[in-house]
C-alpha atoms as a PDB file:
ATOM      1  CA  MET A   1      -9.470   0.076  11.534  1.00  0.00           C
ATOM      2  CA  GLN A   2     -12.302  -0.807   9.185  1.00  0.00           C
ATOM      3  CA  ALA A   3     -12.593   2.837   8.111  1.00  0.00           C
ATOM      4  CA  ALA A   4      -8.854   3.035   7.358  1.00  0.00           C
ATOM      5  CA  THR A   5      -8.989  -0.115   5.237  1.00  0.00           C
ATOM      6  CA  ALA A   6     -12.122   1.019   3.417  1.00  0.00           C
ATOM      7  CA  GLU A   7     -10.657   4.406   2.550  1.00  0.00           C
ATOM      8  CA  LEU A   8      -7.690   2.743   0.844  1.00  0.00           C
ATOM      9  CA  ASP A   9     -10.156   0.882  -1.382  1.00  0.00           C
ATOM     10  CA  GLN A  10     -11.413   4.232  -2.710  1.00  0.00           C
ATOM     11  CA  TYR A  11      -9.019   4.177  -5.673  1.00  0.00           C
ATOM     12  CA  HIS A  12     -11.546   6.103  -7.772  1.00  0.00           C
ATOM     13  CA  SER A  13     -11.291   9.010  -5.285  1.00  0.00           C
ATOM     14  CA  PHE A  14      -7.878  10.547  -5.756  1.00  0.00           C
ATOM     15  CA  THR A  15      -8.035  13.725  -3.737  1.00  0.00           C
ATOM     16  CA  GLU A  16      -7.798  14.190  -0.011  1.00  0.00           C
ATOM     17  CA  PRO A  17     -11.150  16.052   0.177  1.00  0.00           C
ATOM     18  CA  GLU A  18     -12.896  13.218  -1.710  1.00  0.00           C
ATOM     19  CA  ILE A  19     -11.558  10.573   0.661  1.00  0.00           C
ATOM     20  CA  ILE A  20     -12.394  12.701   3.710  1.00  0.00           C
ATOM     21  CA  GLY A  21     -15.909  13.126   2.285  1.00  0.00           C
ATOM     22  CA  TYR A  22     -16.161   9.364   1.882  1.00  0.00           C
ATOM     23  CA  LEU A  23     -15.254   8.918   5.543  1.00  0.00           C
ATOM     24  CA  ALA A  24     -17.853  11.501   6.553  1.00  0.00           C
ATOM     25  CA  ASP A  25     -20.576   9.771   4.526  1.00  0.00           C
ATOM     26  CA  CYS A  26     -19.791   6.130   5.279  1.00  0.00           C
ATOM     27  CA  TYR A  27     -18.145   6.352   8.700  1.00  0.00           C
ATOM     28  CA  PRO A  28     -19.803   9.248  10.522  1.00  0.00           C
ATOM     29  CA  VAL A  29     -18.588   7.775  13.821  1.00  0.00           C
ATOM     30  CA  VAL A  30     -15.091   9.040  12.895  1.00  0.00           C
ATOM     31  CA  HIS A  31     -15.115  12.580  14.261  1.00  0.00           C
ATOM     32  CA  GLU A  32     -14.340  15.383  11.834  1.00  0.00           C
ATOM     33  CA  GLU A  33     -11.057  16.341  13.536  1.00  0.00           C
ATOM     34  CA  PHE A  34      -9.743  12.777  13.079  1.00  0.00           C
ATOM     35  CA  ARG A  35     -10.636  12.260   9.410  1.00  0.00           C
ATOM     36  CA  ARG A  36      -7.668  14.016   7.826  1.00  0.00           C
ATOM     37  CA  PRO A  37      -5.111  12.394  10.172  1.00  0.00           C
ATOM     38  CA  LEU A  38      -6.714   9.017   9.444  1.00  0.00           C
ATOM     39  CA  VAL A  39      -6.397   9.562   5.692  1.00  0.00           C
ATOM     40  CA  LEU A  40      -2.774  10.689   5.998  1.00  0.00           C
ATOM     41  CA  ALA A  41      -1.866   7.773   8.273  1.00  0.00           C
ATOM     42  CA  ALA A  42      -3.535   5.173   6.050  1.00  0.00           C
ATOM     43  CA  VAL A  43      -1.889   6.494   2.880  1.00  0.00           C
ATOM     44  CA  SER A  44       1.482   6.786   4.601  1.00  0.00           C
ATOM     45  CA  GLY A  45       1.204   3.216   5.889  1.00  0.00           C
ATOM     46  CA  ALA A  46       0.254   1.928   2.449  1.00  0.00           C
ATOM     47  CA  GLN A  47       3.202   3.734   0.852  1.00  0.00           C
ATOM     48  CA  ARG A  48       5.564   2.295   3.460  1.00  0.00           C
ATOM     49  CA  ALA A  49       4.229  -1.217   2.907  1.00  0.00           C
ATOM     50  CA  ALA A  50       4.603  -0.865  -0.873  1.00  0.00           C
ATOM     51  CA  HIS A  51       8.177   0.373  -0.469  1.00  0.00           C
ATOM     52  CA  LEU A  52       9.076  -2.523   1.829  1.00  0.00           C
ATOM     53  CA  TYR A  53       7.526  -4.982  -0.620  1.00  0.00           C
ATOM     54  CA  VAL A  54       9.750  -3.650  -3.407  1.00  0.00           C
ATOM     55  CA  VAL A  55      12.845  -3.903  -1.196  1.00  0.00           C
ATOM     56  CA  VAL A  56      12.003  -7.468  -0.125  1.00  0.00           C
ATOM     57  CA  GLU A  57      11.300  -8.599  -3.698  1.00  0.00           C
ATOM     58  CA  LYS A  58      14.521  -7.038  -4.990  1.00  0.00           C
ATOM     59  CA  THR A  59      16.509  -8.717  -2.224  1.00  0.00           C
ATOM     60  CA  ARG A  60      14.794 -12.054  -2.866  1.00  0.00           C
ATOM     61  CA  ARG A  61      15.575 -11.895  -6.572  1.00  0.00           C
ATOM     62  CA  LEU A  62      19.206 -10.952  -5.921  1.00  0.00           C
ATOM     63  CA  GLN A  63      19.539 -13.908  -3.560  1.00  0.00           C
ATOM     64  CA  MET A  64      17.949 -16.243  -6.105  1.00  0.00           C
ATOM     65  CA  ASN A  65      20.362 -14.967  -8.767  1.00  0.00           C
ATOM     66  CA  LYS A  66      23.269 -15.850  -6.497  1.00  0.00           C
ATOM     67  CA  VAL A  67      21.914 -19.363  -5.932  1.00  0.00           C
ATOM     68  CA  TRP A  68      20.855 -20.076  -9.522  1.00  0.00           C
ATOM     69  CA  GLY A  69      23.604 -18.157 -11.278  1.00  0.00           C
ATOM     70  CA  GLY A  70      21.278 -15.784 -13.128  1.00  0.00           C
ATOM     71  CA  SER A  71      21.508 -17.786 -16.379  1.00  0.00           C
ATOM     72  CA  GLU A  72      18.646 -18.475 -18.734  1.00  0.00           C
ATOM     73  CA  PHE A  73      17.944 -21.546 -16.641  1.00  0.00           C
ATOM     74  CA  GLY A  74      18.225 -19.604 -13.399  1.00  0.00           C
ATOM     75  CA  VAL A  75      15.929 -17.218 -11.637  1.00  0.00           C
ATOM     76  CA  HIS A  76      14.605 -15.591 -14.813  1.00  0.00           C
ATOM     77  CA  ALA A  77      13.329 -18.908 -16.094  1.00  0.00           C
ATOM     78  CA  LEU A  78      11.368 -19.350 -12.861  1.00  0.00           C
ATOM     79  CA  LEU A  79       9.682 -15.930 -12.887  1.00  0.00           C
END
């Protein structure tokens, strides 16, 4: 789990080979055959979480607009 979290923090490494290399250097306990699946799973999970965040925020704002009427004194004034 620590390796998966750490690899997502490698925002300066944008390619799959770079991130796999990072895992090999910093987490040699992760066997070579598991590195690529770990990278793909971590990135996929992060994308899914980001998508769900956008959906939740959009829904929250729509609900607030219904409650506050969406006027200049409504939800937009609060954000």
